[in-house]
Each structure stands twice: as C-alpha cells, then as structure tokens.
Amino acid sequence: MLSTGALRAHLLAARLAGTVATSREASLRSYRLFAARDPGVLLGLDPERAWDELDVMALMADRCGVSGDPGCVSGADVIDPDRTLAGLEEFAGRLGEAAARGVPVLFGTGHPHRLLGFYADLADALSAAGCLVLTPAQGRCVDITTRFGVRTHNLDYVRGVALVREPGARGAVSDTGAHSHSPLPVRVALAAAGEGDGPLPGLVVGDHGWVCGAGQLGFEAIGLADTDDPALFVGEAEGRVSVAVPLDDAVRSDYYRPLTRYVLNRACLSR
C-alpha cells in the first residue's frame, strides 16, 4: 500500500504538485478569459455569479495553492500537494460510493495522451465491482471549434474511456487521440444515453469539458484540473462539480500510476 507520505513525495518529485510546468502567465490568461466568459475556458460551465479576474485568482489560491498576489505575473505556477491529497481523498470517496451503489459510470478525457491509463484502470476496477461502464454514442461525429476552426471529430472509447479522434485517425491513442477542452463530446454522449443508448450515468469522471459539461447538466461529476483550468474549481465552488483535484494534468502518463493505486486503495477497490 502506498502511504500518504509516499504519495506526497511522489507528487513533488514528478511535479504533479509543488512547482509545476504550467506557467503563471498561462494561468493568469485563463483567469482573464474565464472572467470574460470565453467559451474555450468555461468548458461548458455557465457560472451562476459574475467572476472577475481577482475573484478567480482568489478561488484558485484557496483551492489549488497558487499565489493570490496579482503582482505575481511570471514564472512557474505552484500547487499545494496537501490540497492535491485532500482532493484525491474526496475523489476516491466518490468512486467508493459509486461502487457501493452499483451506479453506471461514464469516463471521458480531453488528455488521452496523458490520462487515459489513469481513467482506464479506474474503469476496470469499477466494472469489476459491478458498475456498468457506459460507452454511449461510440463513433458519433462531434463538430468541435478549435483554434483552426470547426473540426469534425469522432467519439471513441478505449478501455471504457471516452475521447475524440479526427476522422480517419488510426494507430495508438498516443498518436491519434485529440486534446480537447470542449463539452460537446459529453453532451453528445449523455444525449445518446438519454435517448436509449444505455442508462444515464450516476457519476461522470474525467477532466475539462467532460466534467464541467456533465456538471452543468446536473450529473454528478468529479475530475482532475490544472492551475489554468479554473472552470472545474468554480463549478465545485458553485455546487455543480462534486470534486476537482488540483494537479498538473500533462505530465508523463506513467507518473499517474501511483495515484491510481492510492485512489483504488482509498476507495476500497484495490485489485
């Protein structure tokens, strides 16, 4: 069993927390865009209240441990590892509750190159515990607005985890899965489930638009978020996201394996 102390040391060594690769400039840009209600940063969330840039920064300082000083405008950003550990405890608790109730679960990621394995191992464990891991709307086309314009993607599932690919993409997910912030894939998946393509999920697990998009529609949603993803933390503060775990969401995929073991153990889902 991986102890809390050992996991904390790993978070710092792998730069999942502590000083992370996400820059302060990138985080501040996201806070400004969120305050301006830029759809690319809202991730499908429709905030209930007005959030100005300082409000967002204060929230991120509280939830992640980033600097709350507006005068800090450059350098690497920082995540408090103890806040990450607290978030992982809550995340594991929700997974354990889902397993105990045997509810259907939907997994989805906008970071397939980094986080697919993390979610897939959780999906395997929940499936073994008796939960139905949903795969609605597989192969469905989704038109996603990118910086290059509107691009058509296909909704796909790998080991029970939803992701999007550009049409015609073949080969490993590491080469063909698309990085996406869009909430459209989860909306398509949930609409298909609601139309009879399987039951609706009792829990949605993921990141980016998968969490905010589902939470905005009233589904229980939990996930991981970096310092430049304020939407998940605003959603958590406003009650539409159940758990947002602060960590760097783009380190090497194998660095998340200790987190998988820890979460499964805390959720009493160890295999």
Protein backbone atom coordinates (compact mmCIF):
# COMPACT_ATOMS: atom_id res chain seq x y z
CA MET A 1 0.00 0.00 0.00
CA LEU A 2 1.28 3.46 -0.93
CA SER A 3 1.26 5.69 2.14
CA THR A 4 0.03 9.27 2.09
CA GLY A 5 3.58 10.45 2.81
CA ALA A 6 5.00 8.42 -0.06
CA LEU A 7 2.37 9.75 -2.44
CA ARG A 8 3.06 13.32 -1.31
CA ALA A 9 6.76 12.79 -2.06
CA HIS A 10 5.85 11.39 -5.47
CA LEU A 11 3.61 14.37 -6.28
CA LEU A 12 6.52 16.70 -5.64
CA ALA A 13 9.16 14.59 -7.42
CA ALA A 14 7.01 14.12 -10.53
CA ARG A 15 5.93 17.79 -10.43
CA LEU A 16 2.29 16.79 -10.28
CA ALA A 17 2.15 19.28 -7.40
CA GLY A 18 4.60 21.74 -5.89
CA THR A 19 6.26 23.70 -8.68
CA VAL A 20 4.51 22.56 -11.86
CA ALA A 21 5.15 23.03 -15.56
CA THR A 22 2.10 25.26 -16.08
CA SER A 23 3.27 28.86 -16.19
CA ARG A 24 1.85 31.70 -14.14
CA GLU A 25 1.28 33.55 -17.41
CA ALA A 26 -0.91 30.69 -18.73
CA SER A 27 -2.91 30.58 -15.51
CA LEU A 28 -3.49 34.34 -15.42
CA ARG A 29 -4.56 34.30 -19.06
CA SER A 30 -7.14 31.63 -18.24
CA TYR A 31 -8.43 33.66 -15.28
CA ARG A 32 -8.88 36.71 -17.53
CA LEU A 33 -10.65 34.69 -20.19
CA PHE A 34 -12.88 32.98 -17.64
CA ALA A 35 -13.87 36.36 -16.22
CA ALA A 36 -14.74 37.41 -19.79
CA ARG A 37 -16.78 34.19 -20.15
CA ASP A 38 -14.74 32.87 -23.04
CA PRO A 39 -16.36 29.54 -24.07
CA GLY A 40 -12.97 27.95 -24.57
CA VAL A 41 -12.18 28.41 -20.87
CA LEU A 42 -15.68 27.93 -19.43
CA LEU A 43 -15.52 24.26 -20.57
CA GLY A 44 -19.31 24.05 -20.72
CA LEU A 45 -19.92 25.72 -17.35
CA ASP A 46 -22.39 28.60 -17.11
CA PRO A 47 -21.35 30.37 -13.89
CA GLU A 48 -24.20 31.47 -11.66
CA ARG A 49 -22.44 34.64 -10.50
CA ALA A 50 -20.09 37.16 -12.04
CA TRP A 51 -16.45 36.22 -11.50
CA ASP A 52 -13.86 38.89 -12.17
CA GLU A 53 -10.18 38.06 -12.58
CA LEU A 54 -9.36 38.74 -8.92
CA ASP A 55 -12.25 36.55 -7.78
CA VAL A 56 -10.97 33.68 -9.89
CA MET A 57 -7.41 34.17 -8.65
CA ALA A 58 -8.58 34.17 -5.02
CA LEU A 59 -10.55 30.97 -5.58
CA MET A 60 -7.59 29.27 -7.26
CA ALA A 61 -5.33 30.34 -4.39
CA ASP A 62 -7.79 28.74 -1.98
CA ARG A 63 -8.45 25.53 -3.95
CA CYS A 64 -5.02 24.95 -5.54
CA GLY A 65 -2.49 26.94 -3.56
CA VAL A 66 -1.39 29.22 -6.40
CA SER A 67 -0.28 32.72 -5.50
CA GLY A 68 -3.14 35.10 -4.72
CA ASP A 69 -0.89 38.10 -5.37
CA PRO A 70 -1.91 39.99 -8.55
CA GLY A 71 1.65 41.28 -8.71
CA CYS A 72 2.96 37.74 -9.30
CA VAL A 73 2.78 37.62 -13.08
CA SER A 74 5.51 35.26 -14.29
CA GLY A 75 7.36 32.06 -13.55
CA ALA A 76 6.18 28.54 -12.84
CA ASP A 77 2.88 28.06 -11.06
CA VAL A 78 2.53 26.18 -7.78
CA ILE A 79 0.04 23.59 -6.47
CA ASP A 80 -0.11 22.76 -2.77
CA PRO A 81 0.42 18.97 -2.53
CA ASP A 82 -1.74 18.79 0.58
CA ARG A 83 -4.66 20.20 -1.39
CA THR A 84 -4.00 17.56 -4.06
CA LEU A 85 -4.04 14.83 -1.41
CA ALA A 86 -7.28 16.18 0.07
CA GLY A 87 -8.82 16.24 -3.40
CA LEU A 88 -7.73 12.67 -4.11
CA GLU A 89 -9.34 11.55 -0.83
CA GLU A 90 -12.66 13.11 -1.87
CA PHE A 91 -12.28 11.72 -5.39
CA ALA A 92 -11.68 8.22 -4.01
CA GLY A 93 -14.64 8.59 -1.69
CA ARG A 94 -16.98 9.35 -4.59
CA LEU A 95 -15.67 6.34 -6.53
CA GLY A 96 -16.20 4.13 -3.49
CA GLU A 97 -19.76 5.41 -3.11
CA ALA A 98 -20.46 4.75 -6.79
CA ALA A 99 -19.15 1.19 -6.44
CA ALA A 100 -21.23 0.60 -3.29
CA ARG A 101 -24.39 1.78 -5.07
CA GLY A 102 -23.52 -0.01 -8.31
CA VAL A 103 -24.35 3.05 -10.41
CA PRO A 104 -23.48 3.36 -14.13
CA VAL A 105 -20.34 5.45 -14.68
CA LEU A 106 -19.12 7.45 -17.67
CA PHE A 107 -15.42 8.20 -18.11
CA GLY A 108 -14.04 10.78 -20.55
CA THR A 109 -10.83 12.69 -21.10
CA GLY A 110 -9.53 15.60 -23.10
CA HIS A 111 -5.99 14.45 -22.26
CA PRO A 112 -5.84 10.95 -23.81
CA HIS A 113 -2.07 11.11 -24.26
CA ARG A 114 -1.52 11.57 -20.53
CA LEU A 115 -4.55 10.44 -18.55
CA LEU A 116 -6.12 7.56 -20.49
CA GLY A 117 -4.36 4.92 -18.40
CA PHE A 118 -5.37 6.55 -15.12
CA TYR A 119 -9.06 6.59 -16.01
CA ALA A 120 -8.97 3.18 -17.71
CA ASP A 121 -7.64 1.49 -14.58
CA LEU A 122 -10.39 3.13 -12.54
CA ALA A 123 -12.96 1.99 -15.10
CA ASP A 124 -11.66 -1.58 -14.89
CA ALA A 125 -11.92 -1.53 -11.10
CA LEU A 126 -15.45 -0.13 -11.07
CA SER A 127 -16.52 -2.65 -13.69
CA ALA A 128 -15.10 -5.47 -11.56
CA ALA A 129 -17.06 -4.06 -8.60
CA GLY A 130 -20.31 -4.37 -10.56
CA CYS A 131 -20.72 -0.89 -12.06
CA LEU A 132 -21.70 -0.58 -15.69
CA VAL A 133 -19.07 1.49 -17.53
CA LEU A 134 -21.01 3.34 -20.23
CA THR A 135 -19.97 3.84 -23.88
CA PRO A 136 -22.87 5.79 -25.45
CA ALA A 137 -22.66 7.32 -28.93
CA GLN A 138 -19.50 5.45 -29.91
CA GLY A 139 -18.42 6.54 -33.40
CA ARG A 140 -20.73 9.57 -33.38
CA CYS A 141 -19.42 12.69 -35.12
CA VAL A 142 -18.85 15.79 -33.00
CA ASP A 143 -18.08 19.20 -34.52
CA ILE A 144 -15.62 20.94 -32.20
CA THR A 145 -14.45 24.53 -32.51
CA THR A 146 -10.65 24.70 -32.37
CA ARG A 147 -8.16 27.48 -32.96
CA PHE A 148 -8.04 26.25 -36.56
CA GLY A 149 -11.82 26.49 -37.00
CA VAL A 150 -14.58 23.90 -36.65
CA ARG A 151 -13.19 20.38 -36.94
CA THR A 152 -15.21 17.18 -37.07
CA HIS A 153 -14.10 14.52 -34.59
CA ASN A 154 -15.33 11.02 -33.83
CA LEU A 155 -16.30 9.98 -30.33
CA ASP A 156 -14.43 6.80 -29.42
CA TYR A 157 -13.89 4.64 -26.33
CA VAL A 158 -10.67 2.94 -25.30
CA ARG A 159 -10.88 0.59 -22.31
CA GLY A 160 -14.13 2.27 -21.34
CA VAL A 161 -12.79 5.83 -21.52
CA ALA A 162 -14.27 8.32 -23.99
CA LEU A 163 -12.06 10.50 -26.15
CA VAL A 164 -12.24 12.16 -29.53
CA ARG A 165 -10.20 11.49 -32.66
CA GLU A 166 -10.07 13.21 -36.01
CA PRO A 167 -11.78 11.16 -38.75
CA GLY A 168 -9.56 8.56 -40.33
CA ALA A 169 -7.10 8.53 -37.45
CA ARG A 170 -5.52 5.14 -36.95
CA GLY A 171 -2.95 3.73 -34.59
CA ALA A 172 -2.17 4.28 -30.93
CA VAL A 173 -4.19 6.74 -28.89
CA SER A 174 -0.93 8.50 -28.07
CA ASP A 175 -0.74 9.41 -31.75
CA THR A 176 -4.40 9.86 -32.67
CA GLY A 177 -6.40 10.91 -29.62
CA ALA A 178 -7.14 14.63 -29.66
CA HIS A 179 -6.50 17.07 -26.83
CA SER A 180 -9.83 18.79 -26.25
CA HIS A 181 -11.44 21.22 -23.80
CA SER A 182 -14.87 21.00 -25.43
CA PRO A 183 -18.03 20.00 -23.54
CA LEU A 184 -19.69 18.87 -26.79
CA PRO A 185 -18.50 15.23 -26.59
CA VAL A 186 -20.08 14.68 -23.18
CA ARG A 187 -23.27 16.39 -24.30
CA VAL A 188 -23.45 14.05 -27.28
CA ALA A 189 -22.76 11.02 -25.09
CA LEU A 190 -25.35 12.00 -22.48
CA ALA A 191 -27.96 12.81 -25.12
CA ALA A 192 -27.45 9.40 -26.70
CA ALA A 193 -27.77 7.69 -23.32
CA GLY A 194 -30.94 9.64 -22.64
CA GLU A 195 -32.39 8.58 -25.98
CA GLY A 196 -32.00 4.90 -25.12
CA ASP A 197 -28.36 4.12 -25.92
CA GLY A 198 -27.82 2.69 -22.43
CA PRO A 199 -28.76 4.10 -18.98
CA LEU A 200 -27.76 7.53 -17.78
CA PRO A 201 -24.65 7.72 -15.59
CA GLY A 202 -24.82 8.15 -11.85
CA LEU A 203 -21.28 9.52 -11.96
CA VAL A 204 -19.12 11.15 -14.64
CA VAL A 205 -15.33 11.02 -14.18
CA GLY A 206 -12.80 12.93 -16.27
CA ASP A 207 -11.40 16.37 -16.95
CA HIS A 208 -12.03 19.56 -18.92
CA GLY A 209 -15.38 19.66 -20.71
CA TRP A 210 -16.30 16.14 -19.62
CA VAL A 211 -16.61 17.30 -16.01
CA CYS A 212 -17.96 20.81 -16.49
CA GLY A 213 -20.29 19.81 -19.31
CA ALA A 214 -21.78 16.98 -17.27
CA GLY A 215 -21.98 19.02 -14.07
CA GLN A 216 -23.76 21.84 -15.86
CA LEU A 217 -26.41 19.32 -16.98
CA GLY A 218 -26.98 18.15 -13.43
CA PHE A 219 -24.90 14.95 -13.37
CA GLU A 220 -22.56 14.21 -10.51
CA ALA A 221 -19.08 14.88 -11.91
CA ILE A 222 -15.57 14.57 -10.49
CA GLY A 223 -12.20 15.15 -12.10
CA LEU A 224 -8.68 16.46 -12.31
CA ALA A 225 -7.72 20.04 -13.12
CA ASP A 226 -4.59 22.12 -13.58
CA THR A 227 -3.96 25.70 -12.45
CA ASP A 228 -5.13 27.01 -15.84
CA ASP A 229 -8.48 25.18 -15.61
CA PRO A 230 -10.46 27.46 -13.30
CA ALA A 231 -13.84 26.26 -14.57
CA LEU A 232 -13.72 23.00 -12.59
CA PHE A 233 -12.95 24.85 -9.37
CA VAL A 234 -15.65 27.45 -9.99
CA GLY A 235 -18.04 24.59 -10.72
CA GLU A 236 -17.03 22.99 -7.44
CA ALA A 237 -17.49 26.28 -5.56
CA GLU A 238 -20.94 26.74 -7.10
CA GLY A 239 -22.01 23.16 -6.46
CA ARG A 240 -22.10 21.70 -9.97
CA VAL A 241 -18.79 19.82 -9.80
CA SER A 242 -18.54 17.46 -6.85
CA VAL A 243 -14.74 17.15 -6.70
CA ALA A 244 -11.95 18.98 -8.56
CA VAL A 245 -8.48 17.61 -7.77
CA PRO A 246 -5.68 20.16 -8.35
CA LEU A 247 -2.67 18.68 -10.13
CA ASP A 248 -0.64 19.03 -13.30
CA ASP A 249 -2.70 17.17 -15.91
CA ALA A 250 0.00 16.88 -18.56
CA VAL A 251 2.99 15.07 -17.09
CA ARG A 252 4.17 11.64 -18.29
CA SER A 253 1.38 9.06 -18.22
CA ASP A 254 3.32 6.65 -16.01
CA TYR A 255 3.61 9.31 -13.30
CA TYR A 256 -0.12 8.90 -12.61
CA ARG A 257 0.18 5.19 -11.75
CA PRO A 258 0.91 5.76 -8.04
CA LEU A 259 -2.20 7.97 -7.91
CA THR A 260 -4.23 5.11 -9.41
CA ARG A 261 -3.03 2.69 -6.74
CA TYR A 262 -3.68 5.20 -3.98
CA VAL A 263 -7.17 6.12 -5.18
CA LEU A 264 -8.22 2.49 -5.68
CA ASN A 265 -6.98 1.59 -2.23
CA ARG A 266 -8.75 4.52 -0.56
CA ALA A 267 -11.92 3.67 -2.48
CA CYS A 268 -11.62 0.02 -1.33
CA LEU A 269 -11.38 -1.04 -4.97
CA SER A 270 -7.85 -2.48 -4.97
CA ARG A 271 -7.50 -5.48 -7.26
